[in-house]
Amino acid sequence: MTMNLDALYPPIEPYETGELLVGDGHRVYWEASGNPDGKPVVFLHGGPGSGTSPWQRRFFDPARYRIVLLDQRGCGRSTPHVSAPDADFRHITTAHLIADIELLRRNLGIRAWQVFGGSWGSALALAYAQAHPDAVTELVLRGIFTLRREELEWFYEGGAAALFPDLWEDFLAPIPVLERSRMIEAYHRRLFDPDPAVHVRAAVAWSTWEASTVTLRPDAAQIAAMSDPRNATAFARIENHFFVNRGWWTEGQLIAGVSGIRHIPAVIVQGRHDVCTPMMTAWDLHRAWPEAEFVVVDDAGHSAAEPGIQQALRDATDRFAAV
C-alpha cells in the first residue's frame, strides 16, 4: 500500500516476534520494536479483523517507546485464520480479545502500558481500560467507534449512502431486494455461508465499501489491498460477527463506562469528515470525558494515514513519551 507517511517516524523492524497461545486453539501473533527498555505501548488495530501493518510502528518514537503490536484472533498472522470456509467463531468475542491483551501484557513482564487504538481499536481500548484500569498509563484514541445502534445503522444500513450513492449500489449488489432493510443481517447469512462462491463475493463487497470511504479522497492502493479475497474474508466476517452481536455490550456501555477511567490521561483524535465513524460518537465521548484532550482534524476522514491525523497522533505519543 502506497501512503504518504511523512508525519511519522522512519520505518523500523521488530527486535522480537512471537505467537501467544491464548487457548481455544488460537495463537495470537505479536511483535515488539523500538527500545526494549522504553515506555511500553500496545497498538490495537481496527476492524475488527484488519490485522496490523509495519507502518503502524511509526506512530511512536523508537528511541523512547517499547512498541507492541498484535494481530487479534482470527486475522493477520494469528491462527487459525477465519478466511477458512469452516472457521469457528465461538471463541472470538470482545471478552476473549481483552483477555488476550492482558495475557500478553503479563507475559511480556509489563506492569502498565499506554493503549493506542483507532476505529474498532478505540472501542477495544476503551473496553480494555474499563476492565483493567490499573494496567493503562494513557489512552490515545482515534476515529471513535462504540458499536451503538446509530453508528452501525449510519454506515451499514444506508445513512452514508446519502454521500456515496454510487458506492452504495455496489454494497447492495450481493443482497436481494427483499433483504435490504437489514443489511448487516443479510450480509451475515452470506458471509457465513460455507460456499466460497457466496462468502467471498459478499466479503469483497463489504470490504470494498469500507475501503472506498475511509479516506477523504479515494485511495486506490488501499481499496485493492482491502479487497484481496483472503484479507477481505477475514475482515468482513469478523466485523460482521462483532456487529451482529453489538460487541457483546449493552447500548451505550462504553461511553457510560468512562466514569471509571476519567483519571487516565487521554487524547481523542477525530477527523471532521469521517464517514465510517462519524464525529457524533467522538463528541459524545468528549462530553462524557471532558478531561481528555479532544483534537478535531478539519481536513481528514477516518484513516489514520491521513496527514492531519498522523500528526495529531504523533503529537500525542510524543507528549506522553516524556511522562
Foldseek 3Di string as FASTA:
>chain_A
DDFPLVLWADFDDFPDWDWCCLDPPKTKIKTWAADLPAAEEEEFEALLQQADDRCVQGLAHSPHYGYMYINFTQHDPMPDHVLQLPDDCPQPALVSRLSVVVVVCVVSVHQAHAYEYEHVSQQSVLVNCLVPVRRHQAYEYELDDQLAPVLCCCQFLCVLCVVVVPLVCLLCVLADPVPNNPRLVRLQVQLNDSDCVRNLSNLLSVQLSCQQQQKPHRDVVSSVVCNPSSSSSSSSNSNSVCNVCSSVDDHPVSLVSCVVNLVREYEYEYECAASNRHCVRVVSSCVSRVNYHYHYDDRIYRDCSDVVNSNVSSVVNVVVSVD
